[in-house]
N, C-alpha and C. Protein backbone atom coordinates (compact mmCIF):
# COMPACT_ATOMS: atom_id res chain seq x y z
N UNK A 1 0.82 -1.20 0.00
CA UNK A 1 0.00 0.00 0.00
C UNK A 1 0.87 1.26 0.00
N UNK A 2 0.42 2.24 -0.80
CA UNK A 2 1.10 3.53 -0.79
C UNK A 2 0.61 4.33 0.41
N UNK A 3 1.41 5.26 0.84
CA UNK A 3 1.05 6.08 1.99
C UNK A 3 0.24 7.29 1.52
N UNK A 4 -1.10 7.29 1.68
CA UNK A 4 -1.93 8.39 1.18
C UNK A 4 -1.68 9.69 1.94
N UNK A 5 -1.22 9.60 3.21
CA UNK A 5 -0.98 10.81 3.99
C UNK A 5 0.16 11.64 3.40
N UNK A 6 1.15 10.97 2.81
CA UNK A 6 2.29 11.69 2.23
C UNK A 6 1.86 12.48 0.99
N UNK A 7 0.89 11.94 0.26
CA UNK A 7 0.43 12.59 -0.97
C UNK A 7 -0.55 13.73 -0.68
N UNK A 8 -1.30 13.61 0.41
CA UNK A 8 -2.38 14.56 0.68
C UNK A 8 -1.92 16.02 0.80
N UNK A 9 -0.87 16.33 1.58
CA UNK A 9 -0.46 17.75 1.65
C UNK A 9 -0.07 18.30 0.29
N UNK A 10 0.56 17.47 -0.51
CA UNK A 10 0.96 17.93 -1.85
C UNK A 10 -0.28 18.29 -2.67
N UNK A 11 -1.31 17.46 -2.61
CA UNK A 11 -2.54 17.73 -3.36
C UNK A 11 -3.19 19.02 -2.86
N UNK A 12 -3.18 19.23 -1.53
CA UNK A 12 -3.75 20.45 -0.97
C UNK A 12 -2.99 21.68 -1.46
N UNK A 13 -1.65 21.59 -1.49
CA UNK A 13 -0.84 22.71 -1.96
C UNK A 13 -1.18 23.03 -3.41
N UNK A 14 -1.34 21.98 -4.23
CA UNK A 14 -1.67 22.19 -5.64
C UNK A 14 -3.02 22.88 -5.79
N UNK A 15 -4.00 22.50 -4.98
CA UNK A 15 -5.32 23.14 -5.04
C UNK A 15 -5.21 24.61 -4.71
N UNK A 16 -4.46 24.94 -3.65
CA UNK A 16 -4.29 26.34 -3.27
C UNK A 16 -3.63 27.12 -4.39
N UNK A 17 -2.58 26.54 -4.99
CA UNK A 17 -1.88 27.23 -6.08
C UNK A 17 -2.81 27.44 -7.27
N UNK A 18 -3.60 26.41 -7.60
CA UNK A 18 -4.51 26.52 -8.74
C UNK A 18 -5.55 27.61 -8.51
N UNK A 19 -6.06 27.71 -7.29
CA UNK A 19 -7.06 28.75 -6.99
C UNK A 19 -6.47 30.14 -7.13
N UNK A 20 -5.21 30.30 -6.71
CA UNK A 20 -4.57 31.61 -6.79
C UNK A 20 -4.24 31.98 -8.23
N UNK A 21 -3.90 31.00 -9.04
CA UNK A 21 -3.42 31.27 -10.41
C UNK A 21 -4.51 31.15 -11.47
N UNK A 22 -5.78 31.09 -11.06
CA UNK A 22 -6.84 30.88 -12.04
C UNK A 22 -6.98 32.02 -13.04
N UNK A 23 -6.56 33.23 -12.68
CA UNK A 23 -6.73 34.34 -13.62
C UNK A 23 -5.63 34.36 -14.69
N UNK A 24 -4.61 33.50 -14.57
CA UNK A 24 -3.53 33.42 -15.57
C UNK A 24 -2.94 34.79 -15.87
N UNK A 25 -2.80 35.62 -14.85
CA UNK A 25 -2.22 36.97 -14.97
C UNK A 25 -3.08 37.90 -15.82
N UNK A 26 -4.37 37.60 -15.97
CA UNK A 26 -5.25 38.49 -16.74
C UNK A 26 -5.45 39.83 -16.05
N UNK A 27 -5.26 39.86 -14.73
CA UNK A 27 -5.42 41.12 -14.00
C UNK A 27 -4.13 41.95 -14.03
N UNK A 28 -3.04 41.40 -14.55
CA UNK A 28 -1.79 42.15 -14.70
C UNK A 28 -1.95 43.21 -15.78
N UNK A 29 -1.08 44.22 -15.79
CA UNK A 29 -1.05 45.13 -16.94
C UNK A 29 -0.78 44.31 -18.21
N UNK A 30 -1.48 44.64 -19.29
CA UNK A 30 -1.37 43.89 -20.54
C UNK A 30 -0.55 44.67 -21.56
N UNK A 31 0.05 43.93 -22.48
CA UNK A 31 0.83 44.55 -23.55
C UNK A 31 0.45 43.89 -24.87
N UNK A 32 0.35 44.70 -25.91
CA UNK A 32 0.06 44.19 -27.26
C UNK A 32 1.40 43.95 -27.96
N UNK A 33 1.50 42.80 -28.61
CA UNK A 33 2.75 42.42 -29.28
C UNK A 33 2.43 41.94 -30.68
N UNK A 34 3.28 42.33 -31.62
CA UNK A 34 3.23 41.79 -32.97
C UNK A 34 4.42 40.85 -33.12
N UNK A 35 4.15 39.57 -33.40
CA UNK A 35 5.21 38.57 -33.59
C UNK A 35 5.45 38.40 -35.08
N UNK A 36 6.56 38.95 -35.54
CA UNK A 36 6.86 39.02 -36.96
C UNK A 36 7.97 38.03 -37.31
N UNK A 37 7.75 37.22 -38.33
CA UNK A 37 8.76 36.24 -38.76
C UNK A 37 9.81 36.94 -39.61
N UNK A 38 11.08 36.78 -39.22
CA UNK A 38 12.17 37.28 -40.06
C UNK A 38 12.42 36.22 -41.12
N UNK A 39 12.31 36.61 -42.36
CA UNK A 39 12.52 35.65 -43.45
C UNK A 39 13.97 35.23 -43.50
N UNK A 40 14.19 33.98 -43.91
CA UNK A 40 15.54 33.43 -43.94
C UNK A 40 16.38 34.10 -45.01
N UNK A 41 17.57 34.52 -44.63
CA UNK A 41 18.47 35.17 -45.57
C UNK A 41 19.58 34.19 -45.96
N UNK A 42 19.33 33.44 -47.01
CA UNK A 42 20.35 32.54 -47.53
C UNK A 42 20.65 31.35 -46.64
N UNK A 43 19.77 31.03 -45.70
CA UNK A 43 20.00 29.86 -44.86
C UNK A 43 19.49 28.63 -45.58
N UNK A 44 19.92 27.47 -45.09
CA UNK A 44 19.51 26.22 -45.73
C UNK A 44 18.00 26.03 -45.59
N UNK A 45 17.42 25.27 -46.49
CA UNK A 45 15.98 25.05 -46.51
C UNK A 45 15.45 24.37 -45.26
N UNK A 46 16.34 23.69 -44.50
CA UNK A 46 15.91 23.02 -43.27
C UNK A 46 15.43 24.01 -42.22
N UNK A 47 15.93 25.22 -42.28
CA UNK A 47 15.65 26.20 -41.23
C UNK A 47 14.51 27.15 -41.58
N UNK A 48 13.60 26.74 -42.44
CA UNK A 48 12.51 27.63 -42.83
C UNK A 48 11.47 27.67 -41.71
N UNK A 49 11.21 28.87 -41.23
CA UNK A 49 10.17 29.08 -40.22
C UNK A 49 9.08 29.92 -40.87
N UNK A 50 7.84 29.48 -40.70
CA UNK A 50 6.72 30.18 -41.32
C UNK A 50 6.22 31.31 -40.41
N UNK A 51 5.50 32.23 -41.01
CA UNK A 51 4.85 33.29 -40.25
C UNK A 51 3.58 32.77 -39.60
N UNK A 52 3.15 33.41 -38.54
CA UNK A 52 1.90 33.04 -37.86
C UNK A 52 0.70 33.52 -38.66
N UNK A 53 -0.39 32.78 -38.58
CA UNK A 53 -1.64 33.22 -39.21
C UNK A 53 -2.14 34.50 -38.53
N UNK A 54 -2.10 34.50 -37.20
CA UNK A 54 -2.50 35.68 -36.41
C UNK A 54 -1.27 36.12 -35.63
N UNK A 55 -0.65 37.21 -36.06
CA UNK A 55 0.63 37.58 -35.44
C UNK A 55 0.50 38.59 -34.31
N UNK A 56 -0.71 39.04 -34.01
CA UNK A 56 -0.91 39.99 -32.91
C UNK A 56 -1.45 39.26 -31.69
N UNK A 57 -0.79 39.47 -30.55
CA UNK A 57 -1.26 38.87 -29.30
C UNK A 57 -1.29 39.95 -28.22
N UNK A 58 -2.07 39.67 -27.19
CA UNK A 58 -2.08 40.51 -25.99
C UNK A 58 -1.78 39.60 -24.82
N UNK A 59 -0.83 40.01 -23.98
CA UNK A 59 -0.44 39.16 -22.87
C UNK A 59 -0.02 40.03 -21.69
N UNK A 60 0.24 39.38 -20.57
CA UNK A 60 0.72 40.07 -19.38
C UNK A 60 2.10 40.66 -19.65
N UNK A 61 2.39 41.79 -19.03
CA UNK A 61 3.73 42.37 -19.15
C UNK A 61 4.77 41.50 -18.45
N UNK A 62 4.32 40.53 -17.64
CA UNK A 62 5.23 39.64 -16.92
C UNK A 62 5.65 38.43 -17.75
N UNK A 63 5.08 38.25 -18.93
CA UNK A 63 5.45 37.12 -19.79
C UNK A 63 6.91 37.27 -20.20
N UNK A 64 7.62 36.13 -20.22
CA UNK A 64 9.03 36.15 -20.60
C UNK A 64 9.22 35.73 -22.05
N UNK A 65 10.40 36.01 -22.57
CA UNK A 65 10.76 35.60 -23.93
C UNK A 65 10.70 34.07 -24.04
N UNK A 66 11.08 33.37 -22.98
CA UNK A 66 11.00 31.91 -22.98
C UNK A 66 9.58 31.42 -23.23
N UNK A 67 8.60 32.09 -22.62
CA UNK A 67 7.20 31.73 -22.83
C UNK A 67 6.76 32.05 -24.26
N UNK A 68 7.23 33.18 -24.79
CA UNK A 68 6.92 33.54 -26.18
C UNK A 68 7.49 32.47 -27.13
N UNK A 69 8.70 31.99 -26.84
CA UNK A 69 9.31 30.94 -27.67
C UNK A 69 8.48 29.66 -27.62
N UNK A 70 8.00 29.29 -26.43
CA UNK A 70 7.15 28.10 -26.30
C UNK A 70 5.86 28.28 -27.09
N UNK A 71 5.26 29.46 -26.98
CA UNK A 71 4.04 29.78 -27.73
C UNK A 71 4.28 29.62 -29.23
N UNK A 72 5.39 30.20 -29.72
CA UNK A 72 5.71 30.11 -31.15
C UNK A 72 5.92 28.66 -31.57
N UNK A 73 6.64 27.89 -30.76
CA UNK A 73 6.89 26.49 -31.09
C UNK A 73 5.60 25.70 -31.20
N UNK A 74 4.66 25.97 -30.28
CA UNK A 74 3.36 25.30 -30.33
C UNK A 74 2.56 25.70 -31.57
N UNK A 75 2.46 27.00 -31.81
CA UNK A 75 1.66 27.50 -32.94
C UNK A 75 2.24 27.09 -34.28
N UNK A 76 3.58 27.02 -34.37
CA UNK A 76 4.23 26.69 -35.64
C UNK A 76 4.51 25.19 -35.77
N UNK A 77 4.10 24.42 -34.74
CA UNK A 77 4.28 22.97 -34.73
C UNK A 77 5.74 22.58 -34.99
N UNK A 78 6.65 23.23 -34.25
CA UNK A 78 8.07 22.96 -34.40
C UNK A 78 8.48 21.80 -33.50
N UNK A 79 9.48 21.00 -33.92
CA UNK A 79 9.96 19.94 -33.04
C UNK A 79 10.58 20.53 -31.77
N UNK A 80 10.56 19.76 -30.68
CA UNK A 80 11.04 20.30 -29.40
C UNK A 80 12.52 20.66 -29.45
N UNK A 81 13.27 20.04 -30.36
CA UNK A 81 14.71 20.33 -30.46
C UNK A 81 14.98 21.63 -31.23
N UNK A 82 13.95 22.15 -31.89
CA UNK A 82 14.13 23.33 -32.74
C UNK A 82 14.21 24.59 -31.87
N UNK A 83 15.21 25.42 -32.11
CA UNK A 83 15.38 26.62 -31.29
C UNK A 83 15.17 27.88 -32.12
N UNK A 84 14.55 28.86 -31.49
CA UNK A 84 14.27 30.15 -32.13
C UNK A 84 15.02 31.27 -31.42
N UNK A 85 15.33 32.31 -32.16
CA UNK A 85 15.80 33.57 -31.59
C UNK A 85 14.62 34.53 -31.62
N UNK A 86 14.44 35.31 -30.56
CA UNK A 86 13.44 36.38 -30.52
C UNK A 86 14.21 37.69 -30.42
N UNK A 87 13.89 38.63 -31.31
CA UNK A 87 14.63 39.89 -31.38
C UNK A 87 13.70 41.08 -31.22
N UNK A 88 14.26 42.15 -30.69
CA UNK A 88 13.58 43.44 -30.64
C UNK A 88 14.56 44.47 -31.18
N UNK A 89 14.16 45.19 -32.22
CA UNK A 89 15.04 46.16 -32.88
C UNK A 89 16.37 45.54 -33.27
N UNK A 90 16.34 44.28 -33.74
CA UNK A 90 17.54 43.62 -34.24
C UNK A 90 18.43 43.02 -33.17
N UNK A 91 18.07 43.14 -31.90
CA UNK A 91 18.88 42.61 -30.80
C UNK A 91 18.21 41.35 -30.25
N UNK A 92 19.00 40.27 -30.12
CA UNK A 92 18.48 39.01 -29.59
C UNK A 92 18.14 39.21 -28.11
N UNK A 93 16.95 38.79 -27.72
CA UNK A 93 16.48 38.94 -26.35
C UNK A 93 16.74 37.65 -25.56
N UNK A 94 17.15 37.80 -24.31
CA UNK A 94 17.37 36.66 -23.43
C UNK A 94 16.06 36.03 -23.00
N UNK A 95 16.09 34.73 -22.72
CA UNK A 95 14.85 33.99 -22.42
C UNK A 95 14.16 34.46 -21.14
N UNK A 96 14.89 35.10 -20.24
CA UNK A 96 14.30 35.55 -18.98
C UNK A 96 13.83 37.00 -19.01
N UNK A 97 14.02 37.68 -20.14
CA UNK A 97 13.54 39.06 -20.26
C UNK A 97 12.02 39.07 -20.26
N UNK A 98 11.41 39.97 -19.48
CA UNK A 98 9.95 40.10 -19.51
C UNK A 98 9.57 41.10 -20.60
N UNK A 99 8.31 41.06 -21.00
CA UNK A 99 7.83 42.01 -22.01
C UNK A 99 7.94 43.44 -21.49
N UNK A 100 7.69 43.65 -20.21
CA UNK A 100 7.81 44.99 -19.64
C UNK A 100 9.25 45.49 -19.73
N UNK A 101 10.21 44.62 -19.39
CA UNK A 101 11.63 45.01 -19.45
C UNK A 101 12.02 45.37 -20.87
N UNK A 102 11.61 44.54 -21.83
CA UNK A 102 11.95 44.82 -23.24
C UNK A 102 11.31 46.13 -23.67
N UNK A 103 10.05 46.32 -23.30
CA UNK A 103 9.35 47.54 -23.70
C UNK A 103 10.06 48.78 -23.15
N UNK A 104 10.47 48.72 -21.89
CA UNK A 104 11.08 49.89 -21.25
C UNK A 104 12.51 50.14 -21.70
N UNK A 105 13.23 49.08 -22.09
CA UNK A 105 14.66 49.26 -22.38
C UNK A 105 15.06 49.08 -23.83
N UNK A 106 14.25 48.40 -24.65
CA UNK A 106 14.67 48.09 -26.01
C UNK A 106 13.77 48.65 -27.10
N UNK A 107 12.50 48.84 -26.79
CA UNK A 107 11.54 49.25 -27.81
C UNK A 107 11.72 50.73 -28.10
N UNK A 108 12.20 51.07 -29.29
CA UNK A 108 12.64 52.43 -29.61
C UNK A 108 11.51 53.42 -29.81
N UNK A 109 10.33 52.98 -30.16
CA UNK A 109 9.23 53.90 -30.44
C UNK A 109 8.43 54.22 -29.18
N UNK A 110 9.04 54.06 -28.03
CA UNK A 110 8.34 54.22 -26.75
C UNK A 110 7.50 55.48 -26.67
N UNK A 111 8.07 56.65 -26.98
CA UNK A 111 7.36 57.91 -26.81
C UNK A 111 6.13 58.02 -27.68
N UNK A 112 6.15 57.38 -28.83
CA UNK A 112 5.02 57.46 -29.76
C UNK A 112 3.94 56.44 -29.43
N UNK A 113 4.23 55.50 -28.55
CA UNK A 113 3.32 54.39 -28.31
C UNK A 113 2.28 54.64 -27.23
N UNK A 114 2.45 55.70 -26.45
CA UNK A 114 1.51 55.96 -25.38
C UNK A 114 0.83 57.30 -25.56
N UNK A 115 -0.43 57.35 -25.27
CA UNK A 115 -1.21 58.60 -25.31
C UNK A 115 -2.01 58.67 -24.02
N UNK A 116 -2.16 59.87 -23.50
CA UNK A 116 -2.97 60.05 -22.30
C UNK A 116 -4.44 59.96 -22.71
N UNK A 117 -5.23 59.19 -21.96
CA UNK A 117 -6.65 59.04 -22.28
C UNK A 117 -7.42 60.33 -22.08
N UNK A 118 -6.97 61.20 -21.17
CA UNK A 118 -7.71 62.44 -20.87
C UNK A 118 -7.44 63.54 -21.88
N UNK A 119 -6.16 63.71 -22.29
CA UNK A 119 -5.85 64.89 -23.11
C UNK A 119 -5.11 64.54 -24.40
N UNK A 120 -4.92 63.28 -24.70
CA UNK A 120 -4.23 62.82 -25.92
C UNK A 120 -2.78 63.27 -25.99
N UNK A 121 -2.20 63.68 -24.87
CA UNK A 121 -0.80 64.08 -24.84
C UNK A 121 0.09 62.85 -24.86
N UNK A 122 1.20 62.94 -25.58
CA UNK A 122 2.16 61.84 -25.55
C UNK A 122 3.26 62.13 -24.53
N UNK A 123 3.25 63.33 -23.96
CA UNK A 123 4.24 63.71 -22.94
C UNK A 123 3.70 63.31 -21.56
N UNK A 124 4.55 63.46 -20.54
CA UNK A 124 4.09 63.20 -19.18
C UNK A 124 2.91 64.13 -18.91
N UNK A 125 1.82 63.58 -18.48
CA UNK A 125 0.57 64.32 -18.37
C UNK A 125 0.37 64.81 -16.93
N UNK A 126 0.02 66.09 -16.78
CA UNK A 126 -0.24 66.63 -15.45
C UNK A 126 -1.64 66.24 -14.96
N UNK A 127 -2.52 65.89 -15.91
CA UNK A 127 -3.85 65.42 -15.52
C UNK A 127 -3.73 64.02 -14.96
N UNK A 128 -4.80 63.53 -14.39
CA UNK A 128 -4.76 62.20 -13.81
C UNK A 128 -5.12 61.15 -14.86
N UNK A 129 -4.56 61.28 -16.04
CA UNK A 129 -4.88 60.37 -17.13
C UNK A 129 -4.07 59.09 -17.06
N UNK A 130 -4.67 58.01 -17.50
CA UNK A 130 -3.97 56.74 -17.55
C UNK A 130 -3.35 56.61 -18.93
N UNK A 131 -2.09 56.23 -18.98
CA UNK A 131 -1.46 56.03 -20.28
C UNK A 131 -1.78 54.62 -20.76
N UNK A 132 -1.98 54.49 -22.06
CA UNK A 132 -2.25 53.17 -22.62
C UNK A 132 -1.46 53.02 -23.91
N UNK A 133 -1.20 51.77 -24.23
CA UNK A 133 -0.41 51.45 -25.41
C UNK A 133 -1.29 51.54 -26.65
N UNK A 134 -0.89 52.36 -27.63
CA UNK A 134 -1.71 52.50 -28.83
C UNK A 134 -1.13 51.75 -30.03
N UNK A 135 0.11 51.31 -29.95
CA UNK A 135 0.71 50.51 -31.02
C UNK A 135 1.34 49.28 -30.40
N UNK A 136 1.31 48.15 -31.10
CA UNK A 136 1.94 46.96 -30.51
C UNK A 136 3.46 47.05 -30.58
N UNK A 137 4.10 46.42 -29.60
CA UNK A 137 5.55 46.27 -29.63
C UNK A 137 5.85 45.15 -30.63
N UNK A 138 6.80 45.37 -31.51
CA UNK A 138 7.12 44.37 -32.53
C UNK A 138 8.31 43.54 -32.07
N UNK A 139 8.11 42.22 -32.01
CA UNK A 139 9.19 41.28 -31.77
C UNK A 139 9.33 40.42 -33.02
N UNK A 140 10.56 40.18 -33.43
CA UNK A 140 10.80 39.30 -34.58
C UNK A 140 11.29 37.94 -34.07
N UNK A 141 11.03 36.91 -34.85
CA UNK A 141 11.57 35.59 -34.52
C UNK A 141 12.17 34.98 -35.78
N UNK A 142 13.13 34.09 -35.56
CA UNK A 142 13.83 33.41 -36.66
C UNK A 142 14.45 32.14 -36.10
N UNK A 143 14.89 31.24 -36.98
CA UNK A 143 15.62 30.07 -36.47
C UNK A 143 16.88 30.54 -35.74
N UNK A 144 17.26 29.82 -34.69
CA UNK A 144 18.48 30.17 -33.95
C UNK A 144 19.67 30.09 -34.87
N UNK A 145 20.52 31.10 -34.80
CA UNK A 145 21.74 31.12 -35.60
C UNK A 145 22.92 30.89 -34.67
N UNK A 146 23.70 29.83 -34.95
CA UNK A 146 24.90 29.56 -34.16
C UNK A 146 26.08 30.29 -34.79
N UNK A 147 26.72 31.14 -34.00
CA UNK A 147 27.86 31.90 -34.50
C UNK A 147 29.18 31.21 -34.16
N UNK A 148 29.10 30.06 -33.46
CA UNK A 148 30.29 29.36 -32.99
C UNK A 148 31.02 28.70 -34.10
């Protein structure tokens, strides 16, 4: 016989975690992203990656590049051994970078992407307006390139 008491606390912990995580970060600040396929430049035919049918997504600002890579692999039906690079403004992003970090540090069109809801100002607003993203942040993806 297995010891059911040893398994029970683990099951309780999982229930608590599931209840807390049911919103899947939907209550987090959201960001709009365009996932654009970089076409292969003279690479072998084995490394052809297709573009997504729907390339615009909205997700939590806490989503990491690693999660975006998993999403792309699922949507593009890539083998698990297949690796992708995700880039912003031509720079390869690390797998632990969050969308918020990339937006704040790498996305060059930052000033043009936000407008105040109260006065349509793109500058820091003295009114109590909430800023919102009016254009998606563009991330490119391509097959991983080994420079070694």
